[in-house]
Amino acid sequence: MTVSTFDPTAQPVTVTDKALRFFHRNAEQQGQNDEQLIRLSVRTSGCSGYAYVLDFVDQAQDKDELIELDATLTLALDPEAVTVLRGTEIDLVTEGLNQTIKFNNPNVVGECGCGESFSVN
């Protein structure tokens, strides 16, 4: 049996160095070289329930939780998605010749076959 404690000071979402470099490259390719804001939320989708939504945005929405990833990149987290996303690590994985963002979400209890949606308790 393991016991985990809730730490309110811990970041609800973390980003690996590989994913951070990917976001910076993506921003540069879009001609965005100043401070950048990426917004993470979830939407109802697919057969399992939720889908991740990750977009470059011009500004955060009211009540978004802001997580400074480095001096020029900030993650805005939809407050309604925090419980679904708490503990998630955003990573960049290479599969063959392709690279894709991977959400390592400890709250997921099931995923659809195509990988578009996930469910949580």
PDB file of N, CA and C in Angstrom:
ATOM      1  N   MET A   1       0.846  -1.176   0.000  1.00  0.00           N
ATOM      2  CA  MET A   1       0.000   0.000   0.000  1.00  0.00           C
ATOM      3  C   MET A   1       0.886   1.232   0.000  1.00  0.00           C
ATOM      4  N   THR A   2       0.541   2.183  -0.853  1.00  0.00           N
ATOM      5  CA  THR A   2       1.281   3.435  -0.891  1.00  0.00           C
ATOM      6  C   THR A   2       0.358   4.568  -0.501  1.00  0.00           C
ATOM      7  N   VAL A   3       0.950   5.563   0.069  1.00  0.00           N
ATOM      8  CA  VAL A   3       0.196   6.737   0.475  1.00  0.00           C
ATOM      9  C   VAL A   3       0.788   7.933  -0.252  1.00  0.00           C
ATOM     10  N   SER A   4      -0.056   8.689  -0.913  1.00  0.00           N
ATOM     11  CA  SER A   4       0.422   9.906  -1.567  1.00  0.00           C
ATOM     12  C   SER A   4      -0.262  11.088  -0.907  1.00  0.00           C
ATOM     13  N   THR A   5       0.447  12.176  -0.883  1.00  0.00           N
ATOM     14  CA  THR A   5      -0.103  13.381  -0.273  1.00  0.00           C
ATOM     15  C   THR A   5      -0.282  14.440  -1.340  1.00  0.00           C
ATOM     16  N   PHE A   6      -1.260  15.276  -1.134  1.00  0.00           N
ATOM     17  CA  PHE A   6      -1.530  16.366  -2.055  1.00  0.00           C
ATOM     18  C   PHE A   6      -0.622  17.532  -1.707  1.00  0.00           C
ATOM     19  N   ASP A   7       0.132  18.020  -2.651  1.00  0.00           N
ATOM     20  CA  ASP A   7       1.009  19.166  -2.444  1.00  0.00           C
ATOM     21  C   ASP A   7       0.469  20.329  -3.259  1.00  0.00           C
ATOM     22  N   PRO A   8      -0.184  21.306  -2.609  1.00  0.00           N
ATOM     23  CA  PRO A   8      -0.788  22.411  -3.352  1.00  0.00           C
ATOM     24  C   PRO A   8       0.231  23.319  -4.025  1.00  0.00           C
ATOM     25  N   THR A   9       1.519  23.202  -3.652  1.00  0.00           N
ATOM     26  CA  THR A   9       2.539  24.042  -4.279  1.00  0.00           C
ATOM     27  C   THR A   9       3.111  23.399  -5.537  1.00  0.00           C
ATOM     28  N   ALA A  10       2.835  22.118  -5.758  1.00  0.00           N
ATOM     29  CA  ALA A  10       3.361  21.422  -6.939  1.00  0.00           C
ATOM     30  C   ALA A  10       2.640  21.893  -8.194  1.00  0.00           C
ATOM     31  N   GLN A  11       3.387  21.976  -9.292  1.00  0.00           N
ATOM     32  CA  GLN A  11       2.791  22.356 -10.567  1.00  0.00           C
ATOM     33  C   GLN A  11       1.834  21.252 -11.007  1.00  0.00           C
ATOM     34  N   PRO A  12       0.636  21.613 -11.458  1.00  0.00           N
ATOM     35  CA  PRO A  12      -0.309  20.581 -11.887  1.00  0.00           C
ATOM     36  C   PRO A  12       0.126  19.878 -13.170  1.00  0.00           C
ATOM     37  N   VAL A  13       0.929  20.570 -13.999  1.00  0.00           N
ATOM     38  CA  VAL A  13       1.394  20.012 -15.269  1.00  0.00           C
ATOM     39  C   VAL A  13       2.874  20.356 -15.412  1.00  0.00           C
ATOM     40  N   THR A  14       3.673  19.396 -15.893  1.00  0.00           N
ATOM     41  CA  THR A  14       5.088  19.649 -16.157  1.00  0.00           C
ATOM     42  C   THR A  14       5.378  19.401 -17.632  1.00  0.00           C
ATOM     43  N   VAL A  15       6.469  19.970 -18.109  1.00  0.00           N
ATOM     44  CA  VAL A  15       6.875  19.849 -19.505  1.00  0.00           C
ATOM     45  C   VAL A  15       8.333  19.414 -19.532  1.00  0.00           C
ATOM     46  N   THR A  16       8.641  18.358 -20.293  1.00  0.00           N
ATOM     47  CA  THR A  16      10.018  17.893 -20.400  1.00  0.00           C
ATOM     48  C   THR A  16      10.836  18.873 -21.233  1.00  0.00           C
ATOM     49  N   ASP A  17      12.163  18.765 -21.113  1.00  0.00           N
ATOM     50  CA  ASP A  17      13.054  19.622 -21.894  1.00  0.00           C
ATOM     51  C   ASP A  17      12.853  19.409 -23.395  1.00  0.00           C
ATOM     52  N   LYS A  18      12.647  18.145 -23.805  1.00  0.00           N
ATOM     53  CA  LYS A  18      12.427  17.856 -25.234  1.00  0.00           C
ATOM     54  C   LYS A  18      11.168  18.549 -25.740  1.00  0.00           C
ATOM     55  N   ALA A  19      10.091  18.504 -24.968  1.00  0.00           N
ATOM     56  CA  ALA A  19       8.848  19.160 -25.379  1.00  0.00           C
ATOM     57  C   ALA A  19       9.026  20.675 -25.400  1.00  0.00           C
ATOM     58  N   LEU A  20       9.747  21.203 -24.433  1.00  0.00           N
ATOM     59  CA  LEU A  20       9.991  22.647 -24.383  1.00  0.00           C
ATOM     60  C   LEU A  20      10.747  23.110 -25.625  1.00  0.00           C
ATOM     61  N   ARG A  21      11.783  22.378 -26.008  1.00  0.00           N
ATOM     62  CA  ARG A  21      12.536  22.718 -27.228  1.00  0.00           C
ATOM     63  C   ARG A  21      11.626  22.644 -28.461  1.00  0.00           C
ATOM     64  N   PHE A  22      10.753  21.633 -28.504  1.00  0.00           N
ATOM     65  CA  PHE A  22       9.798  21.490 -29.611  1.00  0.00           C
ATOM     66  C   PHE A  22       8.874  22.708 -29.691  1.00  0.00           C
ATOM     67  N   PHE A  23       8.351  23.151 -28.547  1.00  0.00           N
ATOM     68  CA  PHE A  23       7.464  24.322 -28.539  1.00  0.00           C
ATOM     69  C   PHE A  23       8.198  25.564 -29.023  1.00  0.00           C
ATOM     70  N   HIS A  24       9.461  25.730 -28.627  1.00  0.00           N
ATOM     71  CA  HIS A  24      10.236  26.882 -29.084  1.00  0.00           C
ATOM     72  C   HIS A  24      10.453  26.830 -30.600  1.00  0.00           C
ATOM     73  N   ARG A  25      10.799  25.652 -31.124  1.00  0.00           N
ATOM     74  CA  ARG A  25      10.981  25.509 -32.585  1.00  0.00           C
ATOM     75  C   ARG A  25       9.681  25.827 -33.317  1.00  0.00           C
ATOM     76  N   ASN A  26       8.570  25.333 -32.791  1.00  0.00           N
ATOM     77  CA  ASN A  26       7.267  25.577 -33.398  1.00  0.00           C
ATOM     78  C   ASN A  26       6.945  27.068 -33.416  1.00  0.00           C
ATOM     79  N   ALA A  27       7.228  27.744 -32.326  1.00  0.00           N
ATOM     80  CA  ALA A  27       6.969  29.183 -32.228  1.00  0.00           C
ATOM     81  C   ALA A  27       7.821  29.945 -33.244  1.00  0.00           C
ATOM     82  N   GLU A  28       9.087  29.562 -33.381  1.00  0.00           N
ATOM     83  CA  GLU A  28       9.972  30.220 -34.342  1.00  0.00           C
ATOM     84  C   GLU A  28       9.488  30.008 -35.771  1.00  0.00           C
ATOM     85  N   GLN A  29       9.015  28.798 -36.084  1.00  0.00           N
ATOM     86  CA  GLN A  29       8.514  28.512 -37.428  1.00  0.00           C
ATOM     87  C   GLN A  29       7.269  29.334 -37.749  1.00  0.00           C
ATOM     88  N   GLN A  30       6.511  29.700 -36.719  1.00  0.00           N
ATOM     89  CA  GLN A  30       5.317  30.521 -36.916  1.00  0.00           C
ATOM     90  C   GLN A  30       5.649  32.012 -36.876  1.00  0.00           C
ATOM     91  N   GLY A  31       6.953  32.329 -36.757  1.00  0.00           N
ATOM     92  CA  GLY A  31       7.370  33.723 -36.735  1.00  0.00           C
ATOM     93  C   GLY A  31       7.144  34.396 -35.402  1.00  0.00           C
ATOM     94  N   GLN A  32       6.975  33.621 -34.357  1.00  0.00           N
ATOM     95  CA  GLN A  32       6.747  34.169 -33.024  1.00  0.00           C
ATOM     96  C   GLN A  32       8.033  34.027 -32.233  1.00  0.00           C
ATOM     97  N   ASN A  33       8.746  35.131 -32.039  1.00  0.00           N
ATOM     98  CA  ASN A  33      10.031  35.074 -31.363  1.00  0.00           C
ATOM     99  C   ASN A  33      10.010  35.725 -29.987  1.00  0.00           C
ATOM    100  N   ASP A  34       8.970  36.458 -29.661  1.00  0.00           N
ATOM    101  CA  ASP A  34       8.879  37.102 -28.358  1.00  0.00           C
ATOM    102  C   ASP A  34       8.318  36.115 -27.346  1.00  0.00           C
ATOM    103  N   GLU A  35       7.833  36.631 -26.243  1.00  0.00           N
ATOM    104  CA  GLU A  35       7.236  35.771 -25.234  1.00  0.00           C
ATOM    105  C   GLU A  35       6.028  35.038 -25.815  1.00  0.00           C
ATOM    106  N   GLN A  36       5.941  33.745 -25.505  1.00  0.00           N
ATOM    107  CA  GLN A  36       4.897  32.894 -26.072  1.00  0.00           C
ATOM    108  C   GLN A  36       3.985  32.357 -24.978  1.00  0.00           C
ATOM    109  N   LEU A  37       2.747  32.094 -25.371  1.00  0.00           N
ATOM    110  CA  LEU A  37       1.765  31.536 -24.453  1.00  0.00           C
ATOM    111  C   LEU A  37       1.112  30.335 -25.128  1.00  0.00           C
ATOM    112  N   ILE A  38       1.167  29.193 -24.449  1.00  0.00           N
ATOM    113  CA  ILE A  38       0.506  27.979 -24.925  1.00  0.00           C
ATOM    114  C   ILE A  38      -0.614  27.690 -23.944  1.00  0.00           C
ATOM    115  N   ARG A  39      -1.807  27.394 -24.451  1.00  0.00           N
ATOM    116  CA  ARG A  39      -2.947  27.108 -23.581  1.00  0.00           C
ATOM    117  C   ARG A  39      -3.300  25.626 -23.678  1.00  0.00           C
ATOM    118  N   LEU A  40      -3.447  24.989 -22.514  1.00  0.00           N
ATOM    119  CA  LEU A  40      -3.819  23.586 -22.442  1.00  0.00           C
ATOM    120  C   LEU A  40      -5.188  23.477 -21.791  1.00  0.00           C
ATOM    121  N   SER A  41      -6.072  22.772 -22.475  1.00  0.00           N
ATOM    122  CA  SER A  41      -7.413  22.512 -21.950  1.00  0.00           C
ATOM    123  C   SER A  41      -7.836  21.132 -22.431  1.00  0.00           C
ATOM    124  N   VAL A  42      -9.026  20.727 -22.051  1.00  0.00           N
ATOM    125  CA  VAL A  42      -9.608  19.492 -22.563  1.00  0.00           C
ATOM    126  C   VAL A  42     -10.997  19.819 -23.088  1.00  0.00           C
ATOM    127  N   ARG A  43     -11.452  18.990 -24.020  1.00  0.00           N
ATOM    128  CA  ARG A  43     -12.824  19.132 -24.523  1.00  0.00           C
ATOM    129  C   ARG A  43     -13.449  17.757 -24.569  1.00  0.00           C
ATOM    130  N   THR A  44     -14.759  17.727 -24.534  1.00  0.00           N
ATOM    131  CA  THR A  44     -15.475  16.467 -24.671  1.00  0.00           C
ATOM    132  C   THR A  44     -15.305  15.989 -26.107  1.00  0.00           C
ATOM    133  N   SER A  45     -14.896  14.727 -26.251  1.00  0.00           N
ATOM    134  CA  SER A  45     -14.608  14.237 -27.598  1.00  0.00           C
ATOM    135  C   SER A  45     -14.525  12.720 -27.620  1.00  0.00           C
ATOM    136  N   GLY A  46     -14.761  12.173 -28.786  1.00  0.00           N
ATOM    137  CA  GLY A  46     -14.518  10.765 -29.050  1.00  0.00           C
ATOM    138  C   GLY A  46     -15.353   9.824 -28.203  1.00  0.00           C
ATOM    139  N   CYS A  47     -14.943   8.584 -28.220  1.00  0.00           N
ATOM    140  CA  CYS A  47     -15.703   7.543 -27.535  1.00  0.00           C
ATOM    141  C   CYS A  47     -15.319   7.405 -26.066  1.00  0.00           C
ATOM    142  N   SER A  48     -14.195   7.997 -25.652  1.00  0.00           N
ATOM    143  CA  SER A  48     -13.750   7.820 -24.270  1.00  0.00           C
ATOM    144  C   SER A  48     -14.069   9.000 -23.361  1.00  0.00           C
ATOM    145  N   GLY A  49     -14.320  10.166 -23.907  1.00  0.00           N
ATOM    146  CA  GLY A  49     -14.724  11.269 -23.043  1.00  0.00           C
ATOM    147  C   GLY A  49     -14.031  12.584 -23.279  1.00  0.00           C
ATOM    148  N   TYR A  50     -12.688  12.624 -23.181  1.00  0.00           N
ATOM    149  CA  TYR A  50     -11.960  13.890 -23.280  1.00  0.00           C
ATOM    150  C   TYR A  50     -10.884  13.820 -24.349  1.00  0.00           C
ATOM    151  N   ALA A  51     -10.536  15.003 -24.867  1.00  0.00           N
ATOM    152  CA  ALA A  51      -9.395  15.136 -25.766  1.00  0.00           C
ATOM    153  C   ALA A  51      -8.590  16.345 -25.307  1.00  0.00           C
ATOM    154  N   TYR A  52      -7.271  16.266 -25.464  1.00  0.00           N
ATOM    155  CA  TYR A  52      -6.394  17.380 -25.114  1.00  0.00           C
ATOM    156  C   TYR A  52      -6.483  18.460 -26.182  1.00  0.00           C
ATOM    157  N   VAL A  53      -6.432  19.713 -25.760  1.00  0.00           N
ATOM    158  CA  VAL A  53      -6.397  20.844 -26.683  1.00  0.00           C
ATOM    159  C   VAL A  53      -5.196  21.689 -26.278  1.00  0.00           C
ATOM    160  N   LEU A  54      -4.235  21.830 -27.179  1.00  0.00           N
ATOM    161  CA  LEU A  54      -2.995  22.545 -26.915  1.00  0.00           C
ATOM    162  C   LEU A  54      -2.780  23.517 -28.063  1.00  0.00           C
ATOM    163  N   ASP A  55      -2.817  24.824 -27.778  1.00  0.00           N
ATOM    164  CA  ASP A  55      -2.735  25.839 -28.826  1.00  0.00           C
ATOM    165  C   ASP A  55      -1.849  26.999 -28.402  1.00  0.00           C
ATOM    166  N   PHE A  56      -1.148  27.602 -29.371  1.00  0.00           N
ATOM    167  CA  PHE A  56      -0.523  28.898 -29.130  1.00  0.00           C
ATOM    168  C   PHE A  56      -1.643  29.924 -29.113  1.00  0.00           C
ATOM    169  N   VAL A  57      -1.637  30.811 -28.134  1.00  0.00           N
ATOM    170  CA  VAL A  57      -2.667  31.843 -28.012  1.00  0.00           C
ATOM    171  C   VAL A  57      -2.004  33.195 -27.760  1.00  0.00           C
ATOM    172  N   ASP A  58      -2.775  34.265 -28.006  1.00  0.00           N
ATOM    173  CA  ASP A  58      -2.265  35.613 -27.780  1.00  0.00           C
ATOM    174  C   ASP A  58      -2.346  36.028 -26.320  1.00  0.00           C
ATOM    175  N   GLN A  59      -3.365  35.527 -25.621  1.00  0.00           N
ATOM    176  CA  GLN A  59      -3.504  35.861 -24.203  1.00  0.00           C
ATOM    177  C   GLN A  59      -4.256  34.759 -23.481  1.00  0.00           C
ATOM    178  N   ALA A  60      -4.022  34.696 -22.172  1.00  0.00           N
ATOM    179  CA  ALA A  60      -4.704  33.707 -21.338  1.00  0.00           C
ATOM    180  C   ALA A  60      -6.149  34.139 -21.133  1.00  0.00           C
ATOM    181  N   GLN A  61      -6.987  33.179 -20.818  1.00  0.00           N
ATOM    182  CA  GLN A  61      -8.373  33.481 -20.482  1.00  0.00           C
ATOM    183  C   GLN A  61      -8.467  33.769 -18.990  1.00  0.00           C
ATOM    184  N   ASP A  62      -9.553  34.424 -18.605  1.00  0.00           N
ATOM    185  CA  ASP A  62      -9.770  34.718 -17.191  1.00  0.00           C
ATOM    186  C   ASP A  62      -9.660  33.433 -16.376  1.00  0.00           C
ATOM    187  N   LYS A  63      -8.980  33.512 -15.274  1.00  0.00           N
ATOM    188  CA  LYS A  63      -8.826  32.426 -14.293  1.00  0.00           C
ATOM    189  C   LYS A  63      -7.914  31.298 -14.748  1.00  0.00           C
ATOM    190  N   ASP A  64      -7.281  31.387 -15.926  1.00  0.00           N
ATOM    191  CA  ASP A  64      -6.299  30.376 -16.315  1.00  0.00           C
ATOM    192  C   ASP A  64      -5.173  30.370 -15.295  1.00  0.00           C
ATOM    193  N   GLU A  65      -4.646  29.193 -15.011  1.00  0.00           N
ATOM    194  CA  GLU A  65      -3.476  29.076 -14.144  1.00  0.00           C
ATOM    195  C   GLU A  65      -2.249  29.187 -15.038  1.00  0.00           C
ATOM    196  N   LEU A  66      -1.358  30.122 -14.742  1.00  0.00           N
ATOM    197  CA  LEU A  66      -0.176  30.354 -15.562  1.00  0.00           C
ATOM    198  C   LEU A  66       1.030  29.649 -14.958  1.00  0.00           C
ATOM    199  N   ILE A  67       1.724  28.878 -15.802  1.00  0.00           N
ATOM    200  CA  ILE A  67       2.921  28.161 -15.392  1.00  0.00           C
ATOM    201  C   ILE A  67       4.056  28.635 -16.287  1.00  0.00           C
ATOM    202  N   GLU A  68       5.020  29.331 -15.706  1.00  0.00           N
ATOM    203  CA  GLU A  68       6.155  29.841 -16.474  1.00  0.00           C
ATOM    204  C   GLU A  68       7.119  28.690 -16.731  1.00  0.00           C
ATOM    205  N   LEU A  69       7.281  28.333 -18.011  1.00  0.00           N
ATOM    206  CA  LEU A  69       8.146  27.214 -18.374  1.00  0.00           C
ATOM    207  C   LEU A  69       9.594  27.650 -18.487  1.00  0.00           C
ATOM    208  N   ASP A  70       9.807  28.858 -18.998  1.00  0.00           N
ATOM    209  CA  ASP A  70      11.121  29.489 -19.023  1.00  0.00           C
ATOM    210  C   ASP A  70      10.894  30.985 -19.245  1.00  0.00           C
ATOM    211  N   ALA A  71      11.948  31.719 -19.571  1.00  0.00           N
ATOM    212  CA  ALA A  71      11.850  33.177 -19.659  1.00  0.00           C
ATOM    213  C   ALA A  71      10.917  33.651 -20.769  1.00  0.00           C
ATOM    214  N   THR A  72      10.690  32.829 -21.796  1.00  0.00           N
ATOM    215  CA  THR A  72       9.882  33.287 -22.930  1.00  0.00           C
ATOM    216  C   THR A  72       8.652  32.433 -23.216  1.00  0.00           C
ATOM    217  N   LEU A  73       8.429  31.368 -22.461  1.00  0.00           N
ATOM    218  CA  LEU A  73       7.315  30.472 -22.749  1.00  0.00           C
ATOM    219  C   LEU A  73       6.513  30.196 -21.479  1.00  0.00           C
ATOM    220  N   THR A  74       5.198  30.445 -21.564  1.00  0.00           N
ATOM    221  CA  THR A  74       4.294  30.232 -20.441  1.00  0.00           C
ATOM    222  C   THR A  74       3.173  29.312 -20.874  1.00  0.00           C
ATOM    223  N   LEU A  75       2.775  28.420 -19.974  1.00  0.00           N
ATOM    224  CA  LEU A  75       1.654  27.518 -20.200  1.00  0.00           C
ATOM    225  C   LEU A  75       0.451  28.054 -19.433  1.00  0.00           C
ATOM    226  N   ALA A  76      -0.663  28.271 -20.131  1.00  0.00           N
ATOM    227  CA  ALA A  76      -1.918  28.685 -19.503  1.00  0.00           C
ATOM    228  C   ALA A  76      -2.784  27.439 -19.391  1.00  0.00           C
ATOM    229  N   LEU A  77      -3.183  27.119 -18.180  1.00  0.00           N
ATOM    230  CA  LEU A  77      -3.945  25.907 -17.930  1.00  0.00           C
ATOM    231  C   LEU A  77      -5.386  26.271 -17.610  1.00  0.00           C
ATOM    232  N   ASP A  78      -6.308  25.730 -18.395  1.00  0.00           N
ATOM    233  CA  ASP A  78      -7.734  25.959 -18.179  1.00  0.00           C
ATOM    234  C   ASP A  78      -8.100  25.490 -16.778  1.00  0.00           C
ATOM    235  N   PRO A  79      -8.672  26.362 -15.948  1.00  0.00           N
ATOM    236  CA  PRO A  79      -8.981  25.968 -14.571  1.00  0.00           C
ATOM    237  C   PRO A  79      -9.996  24.826 -14.477  1.00  0.00           C
ATOM    238  N   GLU A  80     -10.855  24.692 -15.467  1.00  0.00           N
ATOM    239  CA  GLU A  80     -11.835  23.609 -15.458  1.00  0.00           C
ATOM    240  C   GLU A  80     -11.204  22.256 -15.796  1.00  0.00           C
ATOM    241  N   ALA A  81      -9.972  22.271 -16.300  1.00  0.00           N
ATOM    242  CA  ALA A  81      -9.298  21.030 -16.687  1.00  0.00           C
ATOM    243  C   ALA A  81      -8.273  20.570 -15.657  1.00  0.00           C
ATOM    244  N   VAL A  82      -8.029  21.373 -14.633  1.00  0.00           N
ATOM    245  CA  VAL A  82      -6.970  21.060 -13.680  1.00  0.00           C
ATOM    246  C   VAL A  82      -7.154  19.681 -13.046  1.00  0.00           C
ATOM    247  N   THR A  83      -8.352  19.336 -12.616  1.00  0.00           N
ATOM    248  CA  THR A  83      -8.538  18.040 -11.955  1.00  0.00           C
ATOM    249  C   THR A  83      -8.279  16.873 -12.906  1.00  0.00           C
ATOM    250  N   VAL A  84      -8.598  17.040 -14.175  1.00  0.00           N
ATOM    251  CA  VAL A  84      -8.374  15.986 -15.170  1.00  0.00           C
ATOM    252  C   VAL A  84      -6.889  15.894 -15.530  1.00  0.00           C
ATOM    253  N   LEU A  85      -6.177  17.024 -15.459  1.00  0.00           N
ATOM    254  CA  LEU A  85      -4.791  17.085 -15.911  1.00  0.00           C
ATOM    255  C   LEU A  85      -3.753  17.024 -14.801  1.00  0.00           C
ATOM    256  N   ARG A  86      -4.156  17.124 -13.538  1.00  0.00           N
ATOM    257  CA  ARG A  86      -3.189  17.191 -12.438  1.00  0.00           C
ATOM    258  C   ARG A  86      -2.214  16.022 -12.498  1.00  0.00           C
ATOM    259  N   GLY A  87      -0.918  16.357 -12.462  1.00  0.00           N
ATOM    260  CA  GLY A  87       0.134  15.341 -12.498  1.00  0.00           C
ATOM    261  C   GLY A  87       0.600  14.990 -13.895  1.00  0.00           C
ATOM    262  N   THR A  88       0.020  15.603 -14.922  1.00  0.00           N
ATOM    263  CA  THR A  88       0.373  15.277 -16.300  1.00  0.00           C
ATOM    264  C   THR A  88       1.747  15.816 -16.670  1.00  0.00           C
ATOM    265  N   GLU A  89       2.507  14.987 -17.359  1.00  0.00           N
ATOM    266  CA  GLU A  89       3.785  15.394 -17.928  1.00  0.00           C
ATOM    267  C   GLU A  89       3.600  15.476 -19.440  1.00  0.00           C
ATOM    268  N   ILE A  90       3.988  16.605 -20.024  1.00  0.00           N
ATOM    269  CA  ILE A  90       3.941  16.772 -21.475  1.00  0.00           C
ATOM    270  C   ILE A  90       5.337  16.460 -21.999  1.00  0.00           C
ATOM    271  N   ASP A  91       5.419  15.512 -22.932  1.00  0.00           N
ATOM    272  CA  ASP A  91       6.706  15.057 -23.455  1.00  0.00           C
ATOM    273  C   ASP A  91       6.660  15.047 -24.976  1.00  0.00           C
ATOM    274  N   LEU A  92       7.811  14.986 -25.573  1.00  0.00           N
ATOM    275  CA  LEU A  92       7.931  14.814 -27.018  1.00  0.00           C
ATOM    276  C   LEU A  92       8.520  13.434 -27.240  1.00  0.00           C
ATOM    277  N   VAL A  93       7.815  12.605 -28.001  1.00  0.00           N
ATOM    278  CA  VAL A  93       8.301  11.256 -28.277  1.00  0.00           C
ATOM    279  C   VAL A  93       8.510  11.084 -29.774  1.00  0.00           C
ATOM    280  N   THR A  94       9.477  10.245 -30.105  1.00  0.00           N
ATOM    281  CA  THR A  94       9.760   9.931 -31.507  1.00  0.00           C
ATOM    282  C   THR A  94       9.297   8.511 -31.767  1.00  0.00           C
ATOM    283  N   GLU A  95       8.453   8.375 -32.791  1.00  0.00           N
ATOM    284  CA  GLU A  95       7.952   7.072 -33.206  1.00  0.00           C
ATOM    285  C   GLU A  95       8.275   6.925 -34.685  1.00  0.00           C
ATOM    286  N   GLY A  96       9.307   6.135 -34.963  1.00  0.00           N
ATOM    287  CA  GLY A  96       9.771   6.033 -36.347  1.00  0.00           C
ATOM    288  C   GLY A  96      10.357   7.360 -36.789  1.00  0.00           C
ATOM    289  N   LEU A  97       9.813   7.918 -37.865  1.00  0.00           N
ATOM    290  CA  LEU A  97      10.280   9.209 -38.356  1.00  0.00           C
ATOM    291  C   LEU A  97       9.459  10.373 -37.816  1.00  0.00           C
ATOM    292  N   ASN A  98       8.430  10.064 -37.063  1.00  0.00           N
ATOM    293  CA  ASN A  98       7.514  11.099 -36.579  1.00  0.00           C
ATOM    294  C   ASN A  98       7.795  11.475 -35.130  1.00  0.00           C
ATOM    295  N   GLN A  99       7.564  12.741 -34.844  1.00  0.00           N
ATOM    296  CA  GLN A  99       7.610  13.225 -33.473  1.00  0.00           C
ATOM    297  C   GLN A  99       6.216  13.697 -33.104  1.00  0.00           C
ATOM    298  N   THR A 100       5.809  13.408 -31.868  1.00  0.00           N
ATOM    299  CA  THR A 100       4.485  13.816 -31.425  1.00  0.00           C
ATOM    300  C   THR A 100       4.520  14.180 -29.952  1.00  0.00           C
ATOM    301  N   ILE A 101       3.633  15.092 -29.571  1.00  0.00           N
ATOM    302  CA  ILE A 101       3.483  15.445 -28.170  1.00  0.00           C
ATOM    303  C   ILE A 101       2.723  14.315 -27.478  1.00  0.00           C
ATOM    304  N   LYS A 102       3.237  13.869 -26.347  1.00  0.00           N
ATOM    305  CA  LYS A 102       2.633  12.789 -25.569  1.00  0.00           C
ATOM    306  C   LYS A 102       2.265  13.342 -24.195  1.00  0.00           C
ATOM    307  N   PHE A 103       1.039  13.072 -23.779  1.00  0.00           N
ATOM    308  CA  PHE A 103       0.560  13.486 -22.473  1.00  0.00           C
ATOM    309  C   PHE A 103       0.613  12.270 -21.555  1.00  0.00           C
ATOM    310  N   ASN A 104       1.530  12.279 -20.604  1.00  0.00           N
ATOM    311  CA  ASN A 104       1.638  11.200 -19.623  1.00  0.00           C
ATOM    312  C   ASN A 104       0.781  11.607 -18.426  1.00  0.00           C
ATOM    313  N   ASN A 105      -0.484  11.212 -18.492  1.00  0.00           N
ATOM    314  CA  ASN A 105      -1.484  11.653 -17.522  1.00  0.00           C
ATOM    315  C   ASN A 105      -1.820  10.501 -16.568  1.00  0.00           C
ATOM    316  N   PRO A 106      -1.464  10.640 -15.286  1.00  0.00           N
ATOM    317  CA  PRO A 106      -1.718   9.549 -14.346  1.00  0.00           C
ATOM    318  C   PRO A 106      -3.197   9.348 -14.011  1.00  0.00           C
ATOM    319  N   ASN A 107      -4.055  10.265 -14.436  1.00  0.00           N
ATOM    320  CA  ASN A 107      -5.486  10.176 -14.145  1.00  0.00           C
ATOM    321  C   ASN A 107      -6.255   9.349 -15.173  1.00  0.00           C
ATOM    322  N   VAL A 108      -5.622   9.027 -16.291  1.00  0.00           N
ATOM    323  CA  VAL A 108      -6.290   8.302 -17.372  1.00  0.00           C
ATOM    324  C   VAL A 108      -6.512   6.849 -16.959  1.00  0.00           C
ATOM    325  N   VAL A 109      -7.758   6.402 -17.134  1.00  0.00           N
ATOM    326  CA  VAL A 109      -8.092   5.007 -16.849  1.00  0.00           C
ATOM    327  C   VAL A 109      -8.425   4.235 -18.125  1.00  0.00           C
ATOM    328  N   GLY A 110      -8.591   4.944 -19.243  1.00  0.00           N
ATOM    329  CA  GLY A 110      -8.882   4.285 -20.507  1.00  0.00           C
ATOM    330  C   GLY A 110      -8.688   5.234 -21.670  1.00  0.00           C
ATOM    331  N   GLU A 111      -8.309   4.681 -22.805  1.00  0.00           N
ATOM    332  CA  GLU A 111      -8.127   5.471 -24.025  1.00  0.00           C
ATOM    333  C   GLU A 111      -8.828   4.763 -25.172  1.00  0.00           C
ATOM    334  N   CYS A 112      -9.296   5.553 -26.135  1.00  0.00           N
ATOM    335  CA  CYS A 112      -9.924   4.932 -27.298  1.00  0.00           C
ATOM    336  C   CYS A 112      -8.844   4.328 -28.187  1.00  0.00           C
ATOM    337  N   GLY A 113      -9.239   3.466 -29.074  1.00  0.00           N
ATOM    338  CA  GLY A 113      -8.299   2.768 -29.946  1.00  0.00           C
ATOM    339  C   GLY A 113      -7.505   3.674 -30.869  1.00  0.00           C
ATOM    340  N   CYS A 114      -8.111   4.772 -31.319  1.00  0.00           N
ATOM    341  CA  CYS A 114      -7.419   5.654 -32.237  1.00  0.00           C
ATOM    342  C   CYS A 114      -6.529   6.663 -31.505  1.00  0.00           C
ATOM    343  N   GLY A 115      -6.639   6.717 -30.187  1.00  0.00           N
ATOM    344  CA  GLY A 115      -5.783   7.619 -29.412  1.00  0.00           C
ATOM    345  C   GLY A 115      -6.254   9.051 -29.328  1.00  0.00           C
ATOM    346  N   GLU A 116      -7.455   9.346 -29.842  1.00  0.00           N
ATOM    347  CA  GLU A 116      -7.952  10.727 -29.819  1.00  0.00           C
ATOM    348  C   GLU A 116      -8.508  11.119 -28.469  1.00  0.00           C
ATOM    349  N   SER A 117      -9.101  10.194 -27.741  1.00  0.00           N
ATOM    350  CA  SER A 117      -9.755  10.570 -26.502  1.00  0.00           C
ATOM    351  C   SER A 117      -9.367   9.651 -25.352  1.00  0.00           C
ATOM    352  N   PHE A 118      -9.639  10.120 -24.150  1.00  0.00           N
ATOM    353  CA  PHE A 118      -9.302   9.382 -22.939  1.00  0.00           C
ATOM    354  C   PHE A 118     -10.388   9.571 -21.898  1.00  0.00           C
ATOM    355  N   SER A 119     -10.382   8.689 -20.903  1.00  0.00           N
ATOM    356  CA  SER A 119     -11.345   8.817 -19.812  1.00  0.00           C
ATOM    357  C   SER A 119     -10.611   8.813 -18.486  1.00  0.00           C
ATOM    358  N   VAL A 120     -11.233   9.419 -17.484  1.00  0.00           N
ATOM    359  CA  VAL A 120     -10.691   9.483 -16.131  1.00  0.00           C
ATOM    360  C   VAL A 120     -11.794   9.074 -15.155  1.00  0.00           C
ATOM    361  N   ASN A 121     -11.387   8.763 -13.932  1.00  0.00           N
ATOM    362  CA  ASN A 121     -12.395   8.459 -12.894  1.00  0.00           C
ATOM    363  C   ASN A 121     -12.997   9.733 -12.395  1.00  0.00           C
TER     364      ASN A 121
END
